[in-house]
C-alpha atoms as a PDB file:
ATOM      1  CA  UNK A   1     -67.932 -99.862 188.788  1.00  0.00           C
ATOM      2  CA  UNK A   2     -72.510 -98.799 188.625  1.00  0.00           C
ATOM      3  CA  UNK A   3     -71.653 -95.789 190.342  1.00  0.00           C
ATOM      4  CA  UNK A   4     -69.568 -94.162 188.317  1.00  0.00           C
ATOM      5  CA  UNK A   5     -70.981 -95.674 185.135  1.00  0.00           C
ATOM      6  CA  UNK A   6     -74.571 -93.444 186.013  1.00  0.00           C
ATOM      7  CA  UNK A   7     -71.618 -89.940 187.167  1.00  0.00           C
ATOM      8  CA  UNK A   8     -70.515 -90.342 183.424  1.00  0.00           C
ATOM      9  CA  UNK A   9     -74.029 -90.764 181.831  1.00  0.00           C
ATOM     10  CA  UNK A  10     -75.202 -88.410 183.408  1.00  0.00           C
ATOM     11  CA  UNK A  11     -72.390 -85.495 182.864  1.00  0.00           C
ATOM     12  CA  UNK A  12     -73.130 -86.517 178.937  1.00  0.00           C
ATOM     13  CA  UNK A  13     -76.015 -86.016 179.045  1.00  0.00           C
ATOM     14  CA  UNK A  14     -75.145 -82.549 180.593  1.00  0.00           C
ATOM     15  CA  UNK A  15     -72.639 -82.069 177.893  1.00  0.00           C
ATOM     16  CA  UNK A  16     -75.157 -82.857 175.196  1.00  0.00           C
ATOM     17  CA  UNK A  17     -77.976 -80.548 176.471  1.00  0.00           C
ATOM     18  CA  UNK A  18     -75.367 -77.183 176.490  1.00  0.00           C
ATOM     19  CA  UNK A  19     -74.220 -78.638 173.067  1.00  0.00           C
ATOM     20  CA  UNK A  20     -77.452 -78.058 172.022  1.00  0.00           C
ATOM     21  CA  UNK A  21     -78.671 -75.432 173.288  1.00  0.00           C
ATOM     22  CA  UNK A  22     -75.234 -73.641 172.602  1.00  0.00           C
ATOM     23  CA  UNK A  23     -76.769 -74.598 168.533  1.00  0.00           C
ATOM     24  CA  UNK A  24     -79.817 -73.085 169.899  1.00  0.00           C
ATOM     25  CA  UNK A  25     -78.526 -70.157 170.779  1.00  0.00           C
ATOM     26  CA  UNK A  26     -76.218 -69.228 168.104  1.00  0.00           C
ATOM     27  CA  UNK A  27     -78.744 -70.204 164.870  1.00  0.00           C
ATOM     28  CA  UNK A  28     -80.766 -67.084 167.260  1.00  0.00           C
ATOM     29  CA  UNK A  29     -78.391 -64.944 167.409  1.00  0.00           C
ATOM     30  CA  UNK A  30     -76.954 -65.168 163.889  1.00  0.00           C
ATOM     31  CA  UNK A  31     -80.941 -64.788 163.117  1.00  0.00           C
ATOM     32  CA  UNK A  32     -80.730 -61.542 164.889  1.00  0.00           C
ATOM     33  CA  UNK A  33     -77.207 -60.206 163.014  1.00  0.00           C
ATOM     34  CA  UNK A  34     -78.972 -60.787 159.709  1.00  0.00           C
ATOM     35  CA  UNK A  35     -82.460 -58.753 160.801  1.00  0.00           C
ATOM     36  CA  UNK A  36     -79.584 -56.533 161.687  1.00  0.00           C
ATOM     37  CA  UNK A  37     -78.044 -55.791 158.254  1.00  0.00           C
ATOM     38  CA  UNK A  38     -81.234 -56.318 156.054  1.00  0.00           C
ATOM     39  CA  UNK A  39     -81.862 -52.769 158.473  1.00  0.00           C
ATOM     40  CA  UNK A  40     -79.032 -51.674 157.952  1.00  0.00           C
ATOM     41  CA  UNK A  41     -79.135 -51.911 153.687  1.00  0.00           C
ATOM     42  CA  UNK A  42     -82.764 -50.542 154.292  1.00  0.00           C
ATOM     43  CA  UNK A  43     -80.756 -47.570 155.945  1.00  0.00           C
ATOM     44  CA  UNK A  44     -78.137 -46.628 154.442  1.00  0.00           C
ATOM     45  CA  UNK A  45     -80.976 -47.033 151.201  1.00  0.00           C
ATOM     46  CA  UNK A  46     -82.984 -43.864 153.133  1.00  0.00           C
ATOM     47  CA  UNK A  47     -79.971 -41.885 153.937  1.00  0.00           C
ATOM     48  CA  UNK A  48     -79.161 -42.131 150.205  1.00  0.00           C
ATOM     49  CA  UNK A  49     -82.255 -40.589 149.449  1.00  0.00           C
ATOM     50  CA  UNK A  50     -82.502 -37.996 151.906  1.00  0.00           C
ATOM     51  CA  UNK A  51     -79.372 -37.171 151.488  1.00  0.00           C
ATOM     52  CA  UNK A  52     -80.433 -36.847 147.629  1.00  0.00           C
ATOM     53  CA  UNK A  53     -83.440 -34.515 148.604  1.00  0.00           C
ATOM     54  CA  UNK A  54     -81.179 -32.683 150.500  1.00  0.00           C
ATOM     55  CA  UNK A  55     -79.167 -32.246 147.632  1.00  0.00           C
ATOM     56  CA  UNK A  56     -82.083 -31.379 145.142  1.00  0.00           C
ATOM     57  CA  UNK A  57     -83.404 -28.749 147.132  1.00  0.00           C
ATOM     58  CA  UNK A  58     -80.454 -26.492 148.553  1.00  0.00           C
ATOM     59  CA  UNK A  59     -79.641 -26.404 144.614  1.00  0.00           C
ATOM     60  CA  UNK A  60     -83.423 -25.177 143.718  1.00  0.00           C
ATOM     61  CA  UNK A  61     -83.490 -22.922 146.274  1.00  0.00           C
ATOM     62  CA  UNK A  62     -79.520 -21.351 145.419  1.00  0.00           C
ATOM     63  CA  UNK A  63     -81.168 -21.131 141.885  1.00  0.00           C
ATOM     64  CA  UNK A  64     -83.823 -18.996 142.955  1.00  0.00           C
ATOM     65  CA  UNK A  65     -81.455 -17.194 145.306  1.00  0.00           C
ATOM     66  CA  UNK A  66     -79.694 -16.546 141.720  1.00  0.00           C
ATOM     67  CA  UNK A  67     -82.643 -15.746 140.264  1.00  0.00           C
ATOM     68  CA  UNK A  68     -84.707 -13.505 143.185  1.00  0.00           C
ATOM     69  CA  UNK A  69     -81.167 -11.140 143.103  1.00  0.00           C
ATOM     70  CA  UNK A  70     -81.311 -10.654 139.741  1.00  0.00           C
END
């Protein structure tokens, strides 16, 4: 019985260690996903700004071109 108790205790210790490691990795991945989402929001805002800038630049060039044609 003594050897059996040691094996069971060792197995439980290994299981607890594995669960703890898994939780740590899961938390780390959650933080990374959160950072990626924040980066995605920032990139989306930057894309919108660039898109609006390009649109306004095209409008100005179109108006200028019409003016020059007259």
